[in-house]
Amino acid sequence: MPKEYILYGTSGCHLCDEAESIVSAAIINQSIIFIKQDIINDDHLLHQYALTIPVFKSLATKEELCWPFTKEVIQAFIRQ
């Protein structure tokens, strides 16, 4: 069963675009699924993540990795 993650961000955020590229590169050839979640249309998410996006979150453990991160940091995070 693949591990599942969420990448919180919003459109027009250059850091979020960069984070998506990093995550995509980090999970190649791994059993990983991640979805992008735009925080702009959810007041709770907007309040929680407005100042910290992009944020990469494990759905299994609820642990979060806040920006900045690298490909290597993402790979270590998903190995946990």
N, C-alpha and C. Protein backbone atom coordinates (compact mmCIF):
# COMPACT_ATOMS: atom_id res chain seq x y z
N MET A 1 0.84 -1.18 0.00
CA MET A 1 0.00 0.00 0.00
C MET A 1 0.89 1.24 0.00
N PRO A 2 0.63 2.17 -0.90
CA PRO A 2 1.47 3.38 -0.97
C PRO A 2 1.29 4.30 0.23
N LYS A 3 2.36 4.97 0.59
CA LYS A 3 2.29 6.00 1.62
C LYS A 3 1.63 7.22 1.00
N GLU A 4 0.82 7.93 1.79
CA GLU A 4 0.10 9.08 1.27
C GLU A 4 0.51 10.36 2.00
N TYR A 5 0.62 11.42 1.21
CA TYR A 5 1.03 12.72 1.72
C TYR A 5 0.19 13.83 1.08
N ILE A 6 0.18 14.98 1.74
CA ILE A 6 -0.44 16.18 1.20
C ILE A 6 0.62 17.25 1.10
N LEU A 7 0.59 18.00 0.01
CA LEU A 7 1.43 19.17 -0.14
C LEU A 7 0.51 20.39 -0.09
N TYR A 8 0.55 21.11 1.01
CA TYR A 8 -0.27 22.31 1.16
C TYR A 8 0.43 23.48 0.50
N GLY A 9 -0.34 24.28 -0.22
CA GLY A 9 0.18 25.46 -0.88
C GLY A 9 -0.95 26.26 -1.46
N THR A 10 -0.65 27.09 -2.43
CA THR A 10 -1.67 27.86 -3.14
C THR A 10 -1.14 28.25 -4.51
N SER A 11 -2.04 28.56 -5.40
CA SER A 11 -1.61 28.95 -6.74
C SER A 11 -0.96 30.33 -6.69
N GLY A 12 -0.02 30.53 -7.59
CA GLY A 12 0.70 31.80 -7.63
C GLY A 12 1.82 31.91 -6.62
N CYS A 13 2.07 30.85 -5.90
CA CYS A 13 3.14 30.82 -4.89
C CYS A 13 4.36 30.14 -5.52
N HIS A 14 5.40 30.92 -5.80
CA HIS A 14 6.57 30.33 -6.47
C HIS A 14 7.27 29.30 -5.59
N LEU A 15 7.22 29.47 -4.27
CA LEU A 15 7.82 28.47 -3.38
C LEU A 15 7.03 27.17 -3.43
N CYS A 16 5.71 27.27 -3.56
CA CYS A 16 4.87 26.08 -3.66
C CYS A 16 5.16 25.32 -4.95
N ASP A 17 5.36 26.06 -6.04
CA ASP A 17 5.72 25.43 -7.31
C ASP A 17 7.07 24.73 -7.19
N GLU A 18 8.01 25.38 -6.55
CA GLU A 18 9.33 24.78 -6.34
C GLU A 18 9.22 23.53 -5.47
N ALA A 19 8.42 23.60 -4.42
CA ALA A 19 8.22 22.46 -3.53
C ALA A 19 7.61 21.28 -4.27
N GLU A 20 6.65 21.54 -5.14
CA GLU A 20 6.04 20.47 -5.92
C GLU A 20 7.07 19.77 -6.80
N SER A 21 7.94 20.53 -7.42
CA SER A 21 9.00 19.95 -8.24
C SER A 21 9.95 19.10 -7.41
N ILE A 22 10.30 19.59 -6.23
CA ILE A 22 11.20 18.86 -5.33
C ILE A 22 10.57 17.56 -4.88
N VAL A 23 9.30 17.62 -4.45
CA VAL A 23 8.61 16.42 -3.99
C VAL A 23 8.49 15.42 -5.13
N SER A 24 8.10 15.89 -6.31
CA SER A 24 7.97 14.99 -7.46
C SER A 24 9.28 14.27 -7.76
N ALA A 25 10.38 14.99 -7.70
CA ALA A 25 11.69 14.38 -7.95
C ALA A 25 12.07 13.41 -6.84
N ALA A 26 11.70 13.72 -5.62
CA ALA A 26 12.09 12.89 -4.47
C ALA A 26 11.35 11.55 -4.41
N ILE A 27 10.17 11.48 -5.00
CA ILE A 27 9.36 10.26 -4.86
C ILE A 27 9.39 9.36 -6.09
N ILE A 28 10.20 9.70 -7.07
CA ILE A 28 10.30 8.86 -8.27
C ILE A 28 10.70 7.45 -7.87
N ASN A 29 10.01 6.47 -8.47
CA ASN A 29 10.26 5.04 -8.24
C ASN A 29 9.97 4.59 -6.82
N GLN A 30 9.10 5.31 -6.12
CA GLN A 30 8.71 4.91 -4.77
C GLN A 30 7.20 4.76 -4.73
N SER A 31 6.75 4.00 -3.77
CA SER A 31 5.31 3.79 -3.60
C SER A 31 4.74 4.92 -2.74
N ILE A 32 4.66 6.09 -3.35
CA ILE A 32 4.24 7.31 -2.65
C ILE A 32 3.16 7.99 -3.49
N ILE A 33 2.14 8.45 -2.81
CA ILE A 33 1.11 9.27 -3.44
C ILE A 33 1.08 10.59 -2.69
N PHE A 34 1.07 11.70 -3.44
CA PHE A 34 0.84 12.98 -2.78
C PHE A 34 -0.18 13.77 -3.57
N ILE A 35 -1.00 14.48 -2.83
CA ILE A 35 -1.97 15.36 -3.46
C ILE A 35 -1.63 16.79 -3.08
N LYS A 36 -1.95 17.69 -3.98
CA LYS A 36 -1.77 19.11 -3.69
C LYS A 36 -3.08 19.62 -3.10
N GLN A 37 -2.98 20.39 -2.04
CA GLN A 37 -4.15 20.97 -1.41
C GLN A 37 -3.97 22.47 -1.37
N ASP A 38 -4.83 23.19 -2.07
CA ASP A 38 -4.79 24.65 -2.07
C ASP A 38 -5.49 25.14 -0.80
N ILE A 39 -4.79 25.92 -0.01
CA ILE A 39 -5.33 26.37 1.28
C ILE A 39 -6.28 27.56 1.15
N ILE A 40 -6.33 28.19 0.00
CA ILE A 40 -7.03 29.46 -0.16
C ILE A 40 -8.55 29.34 0.04
N ASN A 41 -9.14 28.19 -0.28
CA ASN A 41 -10.58 28.05 -0.19
C ASN A 41 -11.06 27.40 1.10
N ASP A 42 -10.18 27.23 2.06
CA ASP A 42 -10.53 26.60 3.33
C ASP A 42 -10.02 27.50 4.45
N ASP A 43 -10.94 28.14 5.17
CA ASP A 43 -10.55 29.09 6.21
C ASP A 43 -9.65 28.47 7.27
N HIS A 44 -9.93 27.23 7.65
CA HIS A 44 -9.09 26.56 8.66
C HIS A 44 -7.67 26.37 8.15
N LEU A 45 -7.55 25.83 6.93
CA LEU A 45 -6.21 25.62 6.35
C LEU A 45 -5.50 26.94 6.12
N LEU A 46 -6.23 27.94 5.67
CA LEU A 46 -5.63 29.26 5.45
C LEU A 46 -5.06 29.82 6.74
N HIS A 47 -5.84 29.72 7.81
CA HIS A 47 -5.38 30.20 9.12
C HIS A 47 -4.18 29.39 9.60
N GLN A 48 -4.22 28.09 9.40
CA GLN A 48 -3.16 27.20 9.90
C GLN A 48 -1.85 27.32 9.12
N TYR A 49 -1.94 27.49 7.79
CA TYR A 49 -0.75 27.38 6.97
C TYR A 49 -0.36 28.64 6.19
N ALA A 50 -1.09 29.72 6.33
CA ALA A 50 -0.85 30.92 5.51
C ALA A 50 0.59 31.41 5.57
N LEU A 51 1.22 31.30 6.71
CA LEU A 51 2.58 31.82 6.88
C LEU A 51 3.66 30.76 6.73
N THR A 52 3.26 29.50 6.51
CA THR A 52 4.26 28.43 6.49
C THR A 52 4.31 27.64 5.19
N ILE A 53 3.38 27.89 4.26
CA ILE A 53 3.39 27.11 3.02
C ILE A 53 4.65 27.37 2.23
N PRO A 54 5.09 26.36 1.52
CA PRO A 54 4.54 25.02 1.36
C PRO A 54 4.84 24.12 2.56
N VAL A 55 3.91 23.20 2.81
CA VAL A 55 4.04 22.24 3.90
C VAL A 55 3.73 20.85 3.33
N PHE A 56 4.61 19.89 3.62
CA PHE A 56 4.46 18.51 3.19
C PHE A 56 4.07 17.70 4.41
N LYS A 57 2.92 17.01 4.35
CA LYS A 57 2.37 16.34 5.52
C LYS A 57 2.09 14.87 5.24
N SER A 58 2.49 14.01 6.18
CA SER A 58 2.19 12.59 6.12
C SER A 58 0.76 12.36 6.60
N LEU A 59 -0.05 11.67 5.81
CA LEU A 59 -1.40 11.35 6.26
C LEU A 59 -1.40 10.26 7.33
N ALA A 60 -0.39 9.41 7.32
CA ALA A 60 -0.33 8.32 8.29
C ALA A 60 0.07 8.80 9.67
N THR A 61 1.11 9.62 9.74
CA THR A 61 1.64 10.04 11.04
C THR A 61 1.22 11.44 11.45
N LYS A 62 0.71 12.21 10.49
CA LYS A 62 0.31 13.62 10.70
C LYS A 62 1.52 14.53 10.91
N GLU A 63 2.72 14.00 10.74
CA GLU A 63 3.92 14.84 10.85
C GLU A 63 4.01 15.75 9.64
N GLU A 64 4.55 16.94 9.87
CA GLU A 64 4.65 17.94 8.82
C GLU A 64 6.09 18.38 8.63
N LEU A 65 6.38 18.70 7.39
CA LEU A 65 7.68 19.23 7.02
C LEU A 65 7.43 20.59 6.38
N CYS A 66 7.89 21.63 7.05
CA CYS A 66 7.67 22.99 6.55
C CYS A 66 8.85 23.44 5.70
N TRP A 67 8.57 24.34 4.79
CA TRP A 67 9.57 24.93 3.92
C TRP A 67 10.61 25.66 4.74
N PRO A 68 11.86 25.62 4.40
CA PRO A 68 12.45 25.08 3.19
C PRO A 68 12.82 23.61 3.35
N PHE A 69 12.77 22.89 2.24
CA PHE A 69 13.24 21.51 2.22
C PHE A 69 13.84 21.20 0.85
N THR A 70 14.66 20.16 0.87
CA THR A 70 15.35 19.70 -0.34
C THR A 70 14.84 18.31 -0.71
N LYS A 71 15.28 17.83 -1.84
CA LYS A 71 14.94 16.47 -2.26
C LYS A 71 15.41 15.46 -1.21
N GLU A 72 16.61 15.66 -0.70
CA GLU A 72 17.17 14.74 0.30
C GLU A 72 16.38 14.79 1.60
N VAL A 73 15.93 15.94 1.99
CA VAL A 73 15.13 16.09 3.22
C VAL A 73 13.79 15.37 3.03
N ILE A 74 13.17 15.53 1.87
CA ILE A 74 11.91 14.83 1.59
C ILE A 74 12.11 13.32 1.62
N GLN A 75 13.19 12.85 1.02
CA GLN A 75 13.46 11.41 1.01
C GLN A 75 13.67 10.87 2.42
N ALA A 76 14.36 11.61 3.26
CA ALA A 76 14.55 11.19 4.67
C ALA A 76 13.21 11.20 5.40
N PHE A 77 12.40 12.19 5.14
CA PHE A 77 11.09 12.33 5.79
C PHE A 77 10.18 11.13 5.45
N ILE A 78 10.18 10.72 4.20
CA ILE A 78 9.30 9.61 3.81
C ILE A 78 9.85 8.26 4.24
N ARG A 79 11.14 8.18 4.57
CA ARG A 79 11.71 6.92 5.08
C ARG A 79 11.35 6.68 6.54
N GLN A 80 10.91 7.70 7.24
CA GLN A 80 10.58 7.56 8.67
C GLN A 80 9.48 6.55 8.88
